[in-house]
Protein backbone atom coordinates (compact mmCIF):
# COMPACT_ATOMS: atom_id res chain seq x y z
CA MET A 1 0.00 0.00 0.00
CA SER A 2 1.40 3.34 -1.01
CA GLU A 3 1.25 6.33 1.22
CA SER A 4 1.34 9.86 0.01
CA PRO A 5 1.79 12.97 2.13
CA GLN A 6 -0.83 15.64 2.03
CA ASP A 7 -0.10 18.80 0.06
CA VAL A 8 3.53 18.19 -0.87
CA SER A 9 3.02 20.01 -4.17
CA GLY A 10 2.99 23.42 -2.53
CA GLY A 11 -0.21 24.09 -4.42
CA GLN A 12 1.58 23.69 -7.76
CA GLY A 13 -0.19 20.59 -9.11
CA ALA A 14 0.77 16.96 -8.68
CA PRO A 15 3.23 16.05 -5.91
CA ASP A 16 6.81 15.42 -6.97
CA GLU A 17 7.66 11.68 -7.02
CA ASP A 18 10.93 12.28 -5.15
CA VAL A 19 9.07 14.13 -2.41
CA ILE A 20 6.55 11.29 -2.10
CA GLU A 21 9.38 8.74 -1.92
CA LEU A 22 11.12 10.73 0.83
CA ALA A 23 7.89 11.20 2.77
CA THR A 24 7.16 7.47 2.53
CA LYS A 25 10.63 6.77 3.92
CA ILE A 26 10.01 9.20 6.81
CA PHE A 27 6.65 7.54 7.61
CA ASP A 28 8.40 4.16 7.64
CA LEU A 29 11.07 5.46 10.04
CA ALA A 30 8.31 6.53 12.45
CA ARG A 31 6.61 3.13 12.18
CA GLN A 32 9.89 1.30 12.73
CA GLY A 33 10.99 3.52 15.63
CA ASP A 34 14.25 4.58 13.98
CA THR A 35 14.49 7.61 16.25
CA ARG A 36 18.01 8.69 15.32
CA THR A 37 17.43 8.72 11.56
CA LEU A 38 13.98 10.26 11.86
CA ALA A 39 15.32 13.00 14.15
CA ALA A 40 18.06 13.76 11.63
CA TYR A 41 15.45 14.29 8.89
CA LEU A 42 13.43 16.57 11.17
CA ASP A 43 16.53 18.48 12.21
CA ALA A 44 17.30 18.95 8.50
CA GLY A 45 13.87 20.49 7.89
CA ALA A 46 11.31 17.72 7.41
CA PRO A 47 8.01 18.81 8.98
CA ALA A 48 7.37 17.32 12.41
CA ASN A 49 3.63 17.28 11.68
CA LEU A 50 3.86 15.56 8.30
CA THR A 51 0.65 13.63 7.62
CA ASN A 52 -0.14 10.81 5.25
CA ASP A 53 -3.21 10.50 3.06
CA ARG A 54 -5.28 9.34 6.08
CA GLY A 55 -4.20 12.24 8.29
CA ASP A 56 -1.89 10.08 10.40
CA THR A 57 1.04 12.07 11.73
CA LEU A 58 4.51 10.75 12.46
CA VAL A 59 3.57 10.82 16.15
CA MET A 60 0.48 8.71 15.45
CA LEU A 61 2.51 6.11 13.56
CA ALA A 62 5.27 5.96 16.18
CA ALA A 63 2.74 5.79 19.02
CA TYR A 64 0.61 3.10 17.42
CA HIS A 65 3.70 0.95 16.84
CA GLY A 66 4.93 1.34 20.42
CA HIS A 67 7.99 3.57 19.98
CA ALA A 68 8.05 5.84 23.04
CA ASP A 69 11.54 7.22 22.34
CA THR A 70 10.50 8.17 18.82
CA VAL A 71 7.34 9.84 20.13
CA THR A 72 9.43 11.87 22.58
CA ALA A 73 11.90 12.92 19.87
CA LEU A 74 9.04 14.04 17.61
CA LEU A 75 7.36 16.03 20.38
CA GLU A 76 10.68 17.67 21.26
CA ARG A 77 10.91 18.79 17.63
CA GLY A 78 7.50 20.45 17.56
CA ALA A 79 5.11 17.66 16.63
CA GLU A 80 1.60 18.11 18.01
CA ALA A 81 0.73 15.52 20.65
CA ASP A 82 -3.04 15.77 20.06
CA ARG A 83 -3.25 16.07 16.30
CA ALA A 84 -6.11 13.80 15.24
CA ASN A 85 -6.17 11.84 12.00
CA ASP A 86 -9.00 12.00 9.48
CA ARG A 87 -11.08 9.63 11.64
CA GLY A 88 -10.75 11.86 14.73
CA GLN A 89 -8.30 9.52 16.48
CA THR A 90 -5.38 10.90 18.49
CA PRO A 91 -2.01 9.26 19.15
CA LEU A 92 -2.92 8.90 22.85
CA ALA A 93 -6.15 7.03 22.10
CA GLY A 94 -4.21 4.78 19.73
CA ALA A 95 -1.61 4.05 22.40
CA VAL A 96 -4.38 3.22 24.89
CA PHE A 97 -5.98 0.87 22.36
CA LYS A 98 -2.64 -0.86 21.75
CA GLY A 99 -1.77 -0.99 25.46
CA GLU A 100 1.49 0.91 25.00
CA GLU A 101 2.11 2.27 28.51
CA ALA A 102 5.53 3.82 27.77
CA VAL A 103 4.04 5.65 24.78
CA ILE A 104 1.09 6.81 26.87
CA ARG A 105 3.48 8.29 29.43
CA ALA A 106 5.61 9.91 26.71
CA LEU A 107 2.54 11.53 25.16
CA LEU A 108 1.26 12.76 28.51
CA ALA A 109 4.71 14.20 29.29
CA GLY A 110 4.53 15.94 25.90
CA GLY A 111 1.21 17.59 26.75
CA ALA A 112 -1.32 15.17 25.23
CA ASP A 113 -4.90 15.73 26.38
CA PRO A 114 -6.67 12.48 27.37
CA ALA A 115 -10.02 14.09 26.48
CA ALA A 116 -9.04 14.98 22.90
CA GLY A 117 -10.26 13.05 19.87
CA THR A 118 -13.11 10.73 19.02
CA PRO A 119 -13.05 8.43 20.80
CA SER A 120 -10.76 10.09 23.31
CA ALA A 121 -8.11 8.24 25.29
CA VAL A 122 -10.46 8.41 28.28
CA ASP A 123 -13.30 6.90 26.23
CA THR A 124 -10.97 4.20 24.90
CA ALA A 125 -9.75 3.34 28.40
CA ARG A 126 -13.37 3.08 29.59
CA MET A 127 -14.31 0.94 26.58
CA PHE A 128 -11.59 -1.59 27.39
CA GLY A 129 -11.92 -1.44 31.19
CA LYS A 130 -8.44 0.01 31.70
CA THR A 131 -9.12 1.53 35.12
CA ASP A 132 -5.41 2.09 35.78
CA LEU A 133 -5.31 4.46 32.81
CA LEU A 134 -8.48 6.22 33.92
CA THR A 135 -6.72 6.87 37.22
CA LEU A 136 -3.64 8.11 35.35
CA PHE A 137 -5.83 10.44 33.29
CA GLY A 138 -7.66 11.67 36.40
CA ALA A 139 -10.95 10.45 34.93
CA GLU A 140 -12.10 7.72 37.29
């Protein structure tokens, strides 16, 4: 399945194939948790809030795949902790769904709001009976 970033054409027509290839590589680095390489791309100017064609950010991909260190590196470089994808899901809700406690803590430390998104992380924790997370979120 091919992934294409949103609006890489700069409003000038079709996206450049080289840009799409680079963006795909960056998305893969987030999924794989290659923090060092991903951070180097961001430090060189890649957007921290890059989204794919489903609205998933790099933080969402790293969070969903359980890479807390990558999530932290992205947040330190300006990525938005609560940016929802096209379905209204946030990285924190995804981490709750996947049971990724280290990612949950990294997102909370980066300012993620447990009430953001649809369903929110709080709603997701309630849905799956994760009372320990409800306590962590202050939403018992």
